[in-house]
Structures are given as C-alpha cells and as structure tokens.
Amino acid sequence: MAPRGMAGQDSVSAPALSTRGLDKSFGSLVVASGIEFALPQGARYALVGPNGAGKTTLINLMTGMLRPDAGRIFLGEQEITSLRPEERVKRGLVRTFQINTLFPHLSALEAVTLAVCERRGHGGAWWKGLPAYREAVDEAYGILFSLMLGDYCYRLTRELAYGQQRLLEIALALATKPTVLLLDEPAAGVPNEESAELFDAISGLAQHISVLFIEHDMDIVFRFASRIIVMVGGSVLVEGTPSEIAADPRVREVYLGKKHHG
C-alpha cells in the first residue's frame, strides 16, 4: 500500500516549531550536533532512527528538559531557548512520554477535567468536586470523545486497556490547549490491534495542532507521517516524504535494512 500522510498540510508561514544549530554534549558524548529542524504548522512529522540516535534528546531539548550547549529554539516566531518547561507548555508546546504518567485512581473524565482546571487556574480548588466546574467537565468530555474515549470516561484509569491509557495521556496533553504536540513513542507497548486505532485518533486531531512523533514501527511511520526525519548519531541524516525516505540508500543502510516500503 502506498504511504499516506496524516491529516494536516505543510504551511508556507512560519514553522510551528524550529531549531537552529542545536548542539548538546555530555562530556565527550555528542548527543545533538548542529540540528536544523522545522515543523510546519499543522504538519504530521515522524522522527525516526536507531537506538541512541538522539531522538528523545531532541525532544528534551525542544521542551526544555535539557538545555542546549549551543543553538536556538523557536515556537512560531518567538525564541524559547531560555524558557523553563512549564513556560513552554503555557505557550503551547506539549509532550507525552514513553512511560505513562497517569492517575490510576481517577476516572478518565476526572483526570482530564483536573488537567483542564489546572490550565484555567482552578487546580488548587479541586476539592470542590466536578459539579462546581461544569464547563471544565464539558471540555474534558469533548476531548475524550474526540479520541474515541467517550464511552470509557467514567472508567478508572487503571482499568483501561493499555492503548486507551496512551490515548488518555494524549487527552491530558490536549487539555493544555497545545499548538505543538510531541509524542515520544505513543504506540510503545500497545498491542498491534490497538496501535492503528491510536494513530487513527492522532490523525484526527485538530488541524491547528502540529504533531511530531517518535516511532520505531516503520509500518506505522510510513502509513501516518507526511514527512520523516531520520536521525543518526545526534544529527539529522535526511528528511523527506515517506517515498523519498524509503528510496534513500543511506536510510536503508543505517536503519531500514533491505525492507521495501512503497
């Protein structure tokens, strides 16, 4: 089957997220070297590469979890290189992690409502309970419904299937009203029959949200990404459409092997 892109088209306006000459080392270990990256507004990009290529390091740099040794990071036209992680979240740059960080004893609706209340500045008054925040509850339910979790909104987080827990993690991110969403292996540990549903939900996210996802399953990457960035040794090896990446001999050598996608 020919590759198809996720919903969202590259924009001619300023990139939603970009880096210029990004460097990071830990002693003699170089984990990011001269990374020039641009995620167009509304785009759906995949970030791939072998283990140790620097993918998660790049996400950590862009979200402020790590500080670069050199280079600059921009969210839209605003430089955010020196901003703390929570300040970047407030400006619309949000990530998920490889390991779920959920609330096992809350229902899905309670968890997302709490995230909405936190964004609205009401997190400290959570003791009042859900009825006091009907607008927040309605917003939370809308988010869950958009991710096909509406039927499970009253189920405790710990009772959800693993794929549903990963969707709930995305729902918590969406509660912050992001303009850029970074997904670190959203399908990690998810059974094959659930991973396609998870990415179908991701592909249906609002057009104004730009998405960059790390993923090792190349079948998923080639099916859902509009463009692919390949990293090796802390540097960007090549960027292109799925068909261009599949045909690139350098990518075949370092990552894809002899498997053909097209």
Protein backbone atom coordinates (compact mmCIF):
# COMPACT_ATOMS: atom_id res chain seq x y z
CA MET A 1 0.00 0.00 0.00
CA ALA A 2 1.33 3.41 -0.89
CA PRO A 3 2.22 5.66 2.06
CA ARG A 4 -0.35 8.22 3.02
CA GLY A 5 0.14 11.29 5.18
CA MET A 6 -1.80 12.10 8.31
CA ALA A 7 -4.24 14.96 8.17
CA GLY A 8 -2.51 18.32 8.02
CA GLN A 9 -0.54 20.06 5.33
CA ASP A 10 2.80 21.85 5.36
CA SER A 11 2.39 25.60 5.72
CA VAL A 12 4.19 28.41 3.93
CA SER A 13 4.00 30.55 7.09
CA ALA A 14 6.48 30.48 9.97
CA PRO A 15 7.19 26.97 11.29
CA ALA A 16 5.23 25.97 14.36
CA LEU A 17 8.47 24.74 15.94
CA SER A 18 12.07 25.05 14.73
CA THR A 19 15.68 24.76 15.85
CA ARG A 20 18.85 26.37 14.56
CA GLY A 21 22.28 24.83 15.06
CA LEU A 22 21.28 22.87 18.15
CA ASP A 23 24.20 21.21 19.98
CA LYS A 24 24.35 19.12 23.14
CA SER A 25 27.12 17.00 24.66
CA PHE A 26 27.66 15.11 27.88
CA GLY A 27 31.42 15.22 28.26
CA SER A 28 32.84 13.58 25.14
CA LEU A 29 29.47 12.09 24.18
CA VAL A 30 27.79 14.19 21.48
CA VAL A 31 24.01 13.67 21.59
CA ALA A 32 22.96 16.57 19.32
CA SER A 33 25.07 18.19 16.65
CA GLY A 34 24.04 21.17 14.54
CA ILE A 35 20.37 20.17 14.34
CA GLU A 36 18.38 22.32 11.93
CA PHE A 37 14.72 21.38 12.19
CA ALA A 38 11.40 22.93 11.19
CA LEU A 39 7.91 21.58 11.87
CA PRO A 40 5.37 23.40 9.68
CA GLN A 41 2.07 24.50 11.12
CA GLY A 42 -0.48 21.69 11.01
CA ALA A 43 2.09 19.12 9.87
CA ARG A 44 2.36 15.49 10.98
CA TYR A 45 6.04 14.51 11.05
CA ALA A 46 7.78 11.35 12.26
CA LEU A 47 11.20 11.32 13.93
CA VAL A 48 12.98 8.00 13.46
CA GLY A 49 16.42 6.45 13.81
CA PRO A 50 18.22 3.59 15.54
CA ASN A 51 18.51 3.42 19.33
CA GLY A 52 20.85 6.13 20.57
CA ALA A 53 20.29 8.34 17.53
CA GLY A 54 19.27 11.29 19.70
CA LYS A 55 15.52 11.37 19.08
CA THR A 56 14.37 11.68 22.69
CA THR A 57 17.29 14.04 23.39
CA LEU A 58 16.00 16.36 20.68
CA ILE A 59 12.51 16.27 22.23
CA ASN A 60 14.03 17.01 25.64
CA LEU A 61 15.93 19.97 24.23
CA MET A 62 12.89 21.41 22.49
CA THR A 63 10.71 21.07 25.59
CA GLY A 64 13.31 22.48 27.98
CA MET A 65 14.05 19.28 29.87
CA LEU A 66 17.64 19.73 28.67
CA ARG A 67 19.49 22.96 27.94
CA PRO A 68 21.45 23.10 24.67
CA ASP A 69 25.15 23.92 24.65
CA ALA A 70 24.58 26.00 21.52
CA GLY A 71 21.79 26.85 19.13
CA ARG A 72 18.32 28.37 19.33
CA ILE A 73 14.75 27.05 19.60
CA PHE A 74 11.68 28.84 18.26
CA LEU A 75 7.97 28.30 18.87
CA GLY A 76 6.43 30.08 15.94
CA GLU A 77 8.38 33.32 15.64
CA GLN A 78 9.21 33.52 19.36
CA GLU A 79 12.52 32.23 20.69
CA ILE A 80 12.01 29.90 23.66
CA THR A 81 15.57 28.66 24.18
CA SER A 82 15.83 30.06 27.71
CA LEU A 83 12.27 29.31 28.86
CA ARG A 84 11.52 26.75 31.54
CA PRO A 85 9.50 23.65 30.53
CA GLU A 86 6.30 24.88 32.22
CA GLU A 87 6.56 28.21 30.40
CA ARG A 88 6.80 26.38 27.08
CA VAL A 89 3.69 24.39 27.97
CA LYS A 90 1.80 27.62 28.65
CA ARG A 91 2.82 28.85 25.20
CA GLY A 92 1.51 25.69 23.53
CA LEU A 93 4.46 23.25 23.35
CA VAL A 94 3.39 19.98 24.99
CA ARG A 95 4.79 16.45 25.03
CA THR A 96 3.91 12.96 26.12
CA PHE A 97 6.40 10.42 27.44
CA GLN A 98 7.29 6.81 26.68
CA ILE A 99 6.08 5.79 30.15
CA ASN A 100 2.54 6.63 31.19
CA THR A 101 2.28 9.20 33.99
CA LEU A 102 -1.42 8.90 34.69
CA PHE A 103 -3.75 8.96 37.70
CA PRO A 104 -4.67 5.31 38.36
CA HIS A 105 -7.35 6.02 40.97
CA LEU A 106 -9.20 8.72 38.98
CA SER A 107 -11.66 8.11 36.19
CA ALA A 108 -10.64 9.25 32.72
CA LEU A 109 -13.11 12.15 32.97
CA GLU A 110 -11.81 13.20 36.39
CA ALA A 111 -8.20 13.12 35.20
CA VAL A 112 -8.81 15.25 32.11
CA THR A 113 -11.09 17.63 34.00
CA LEU A 114 -8.33 18.12 36.56
CA ALA A 115 -5.93 18.99 33.72
CA VAL A 116 -8.44 21.47 32.28
CA CYS A 117 -8.95 23.06 35.71
CA GLU A 118 -5.19 23.33 36.16
CA ARG A 119 -4.91 25.18 32.84
CA ARG A 120 -7.72 27.51 33.89
CA GLY A 121 -6.06 28.22 37.24
CA HIS A 122 -8.52 26.22 39.36
CA GLY A 123 -6.35 23.20 40.12
CA GLY A 124 -5.89 24.20 43.77
CA ALA A 125 -9.65 24.16 44.37
CA TRP A 126 -10.14 20.59 43.12
CA TRP A 127 -11.68 19.67 46.48
CA LYS A 128 -14.93 21.30 45.37
CA GLY A 129 -15.52 18.37 43.04
CA LEU A 130 -16.63 18.06 39.43
CA PRO A 131 -20.13 19.62 39.68
CA ALA A 132 -18.57 23.00 40.55
CA TYR A 133 -16.76 23.09 37.22
CA ARG A 134 -19.36 22.09 34.64
CA GLU A 135 -17.62 23.95 31.78
CA ALA A 136 -14.35 22.16 32.53
CA VAL A 137 -16.19 18.82 32.66
CA ASP A 138 -17.83 19.52 29.30
CA GLU A 139 -14.48 20.44 27.76
CA ALA A 140 -12.86 17.31 29.19
CA TYR A 141 -15.64 15.10 27.84
CA GLY A 142 -15.27 16.71 24.41
CA ILE A 143 -11.57 15.87 24.40
CA LEU A 144 -12.21 12.28 25.44
CA PHE A 145 -14.97 11.90 22.84
CA SER A 146 -12.65 13.21 20.09
CA LEU A 147 -10.16 10.46 21.00
CA MET A 148 -12.82 7.73 20.99
CA LEU A 149 -12.78 7.52 24.80
CA GLY A 150 -16.25 8.92 25.41
CA ASP A 151 -17.69 5.51 26.25
CA TYR A 152 -14.95 4.94 28.83
CA CYS A 153 -14.94 8.34 30.54
CA TYR A 154 -16.23 7.00 33.90
CA ARG A 155 -13.87 4.04 33.98
CA LEU A 156 -10.88 4.22 36.31
CA THR A 157 -7.59 4.83 34.54
CA ARG A 158 -6.10 1.59 35.87
CA GLU A 159 -9.00 -0.35 34.31
CA LEU A 160 -8.45 0.98 30.78
CA ALA A 161 -6.72 -1.11 28.12
CA TYR A 162 -3.13 -0.04 27.54
CA GLY A 163 -3.92 1.56 24.19
CA GLN A 164 -6.71 3.52 25.85
CA GLN A 165 -4.29 4.67 28.55
CA ARG A 166 -1.98 6.03 25.86
CA LEU A 167 -4.94 7.88 24.35
CA LEU A 168 -5.77 9.24 27.79
CA GLU A 169 -2.21 10.51 28.04
CA ILE A 170 -2.78 12.40 24.78
CA ALA A 171 -6.09 13.69 26.15
CA LEU A 172 -4.27 15.13 29.16
CA ALA A 173 -1.86 16.86 26.78
CA LEU A 174 -4.75 18.25 24.72
CA ALA A 175 -6.28 19.68 27.89
CA THR A 176 -3.43 22.22 27.93
CA LYS A 177 -4.54 23.60 24.53
CA PRO A 178 -1.31 22.85 22.64
CA THR A 179 -0.31 24.23 19.27
CA VAL A 180 2.56 21.72 19.02
CA LEU A 181 2.27 18.16 20.32
CA LEU A 182 5.37 15.98 20.69
CA LEU A 183 4.67 12.26 21.10
CA ASP A 184 7.51 10.05 22.34
CA GLU A 185 6.68 6.55 21.09
CA PRO A 186 2.90 6.76 21.65
CA ALA A 187 2.43 3.16 20.49
CA ALA A 188 5.16 1.68 22.73
CA GLY A 189 3.79 -1.43 24.41
CA VAL A 190 0.44 -1.10 22.66
CA PRO A 191 -0.84 -4.33 21.01
CA ASN A 192 -0.83 -4.23 17.22
CA GLU A 193 -4.61 -4.30 17.01
CA GLU A 194 -4.80 -1.15 19.18
CA SER A 195 -1.91 0.84 17.68
CA ALA A 196 -3.74 1.54 14.41
CA GLU A 197 -6.74 2.86 16.35
CA LEU A 198 -4.43 5.03 18.43
CA PHE A 199 -2.86 6.60 15.34
CA ASP A 200 -6.24 6.99 13.68
CA ALA A 201 -7.19 9.12 16.67
CA ILE A 202 -3.96 11.09 16.42
CA SER A 203 -4.57 11.68 12.72
CA GLY A 204 -7.95 13.16 13.57
CA LEU A 205 -6.55 15.87 15.85
CA ALA A 206 -7.47 19.45 15.05
CA GLN A 207 -5.69 20.91 12.04
CA HIS A 208 -4.12 23.74 14.03
CA ILE A 209 -2.14 21.25 16.16
CA SER A 210 1.27 20.38 14.70
CA VAL A 211 2.45 16.88 15.59
CA LEU A 212 5.93 15.35 15.77
CA PHE A 213 6.05 11.71 16.87
CA ILE A 214 8.87 9.28 17.60
CA GLU A 215 8.06 5.76 16.48
CA HIS A 216 10.06 2.57 15.86
CA ASP A 217 7.34 0.72 13.95
CA MET A 218 8.14 1.76 10.39
CA ASP A 219 4.85 0.42 9.06
CA ILE A 220 3.09 2.98 11.27
CA VAL A 221 5.55 5.70 10.28
CA PHE A 222 5.11 5.13 6.56
CA ARG A 223 1.35 4.98 6.91
CA PHE A 224 0.75 8.07 9.04
CA ALA A 225 3.59 10.58 8.58
CA SER A 226 3.52 13.23 5.86
CA ARG A 227 7.30 13.67 6.22
CA ILE A 228 10.01 11.72 8.04
CA ILE A 229 13.17 12.97 9.75
CA VAL A 230 15.90 10.36 10.15
CA MET A 231 18.48 10.88 12.90
CA VAL A 232 21.79 9.07 13.33
CA GLY A 233 24.45 9.82 15.93
CA GLY A 234 22.82 13.01 17.18
CA SER A 235 22.45 14.54 13.72
CA VAL A 236 19.76 14.70 11.08
CA LEU A 237 20.76 12.31 8.31
CA VAL A 238 17.94 13.10 5.90
CA GLU A 239 14.39 14.45 5.78
CA GLY A 240 11.80 13.69 3.15
CA THR A 241 8.45 12.22 2.20
CA PRO A 242 7.82 8.56 3.00
CA SER A 243 8.58 7.56 -0.60
CA GLU A 244 11.81 9.57 -0.61
CA ILE A 245 12.93 8.05 2.69
CA ALA A 246 12.10 4.52 1.54
CA ALA A 247 14.21 5.01 -1.60
CA ASP A 248 17.20 6.65 0.12
CA PRO A 249 20.17 4.23 0.21
CA ARG A 250 21.66 5.92 3.29
CA VAL A 251 18.49 5.24 5.27
CA ARG A 252 18.36 1.66 4.07
CA GLU A 253 21.93 1.15 5.21
CA VAL A 254 21.65 2.62 8.70
CA TYR A 255 18.05 1.91 9.65
CA LEU A 256 15.61 0.25 7.29
CA GLY A 257 17.85 -2.52 6.05
CA LYS A 258 16.59 -4.17 2.88
CA LYS A 259 12.88 -3.93 3.69
CA HIS A 260 10.98 -2.10 0.98
CA HIS A 261 8.15 0.31 1.68
CA GLY A 262 6.17 1.83 -1.11
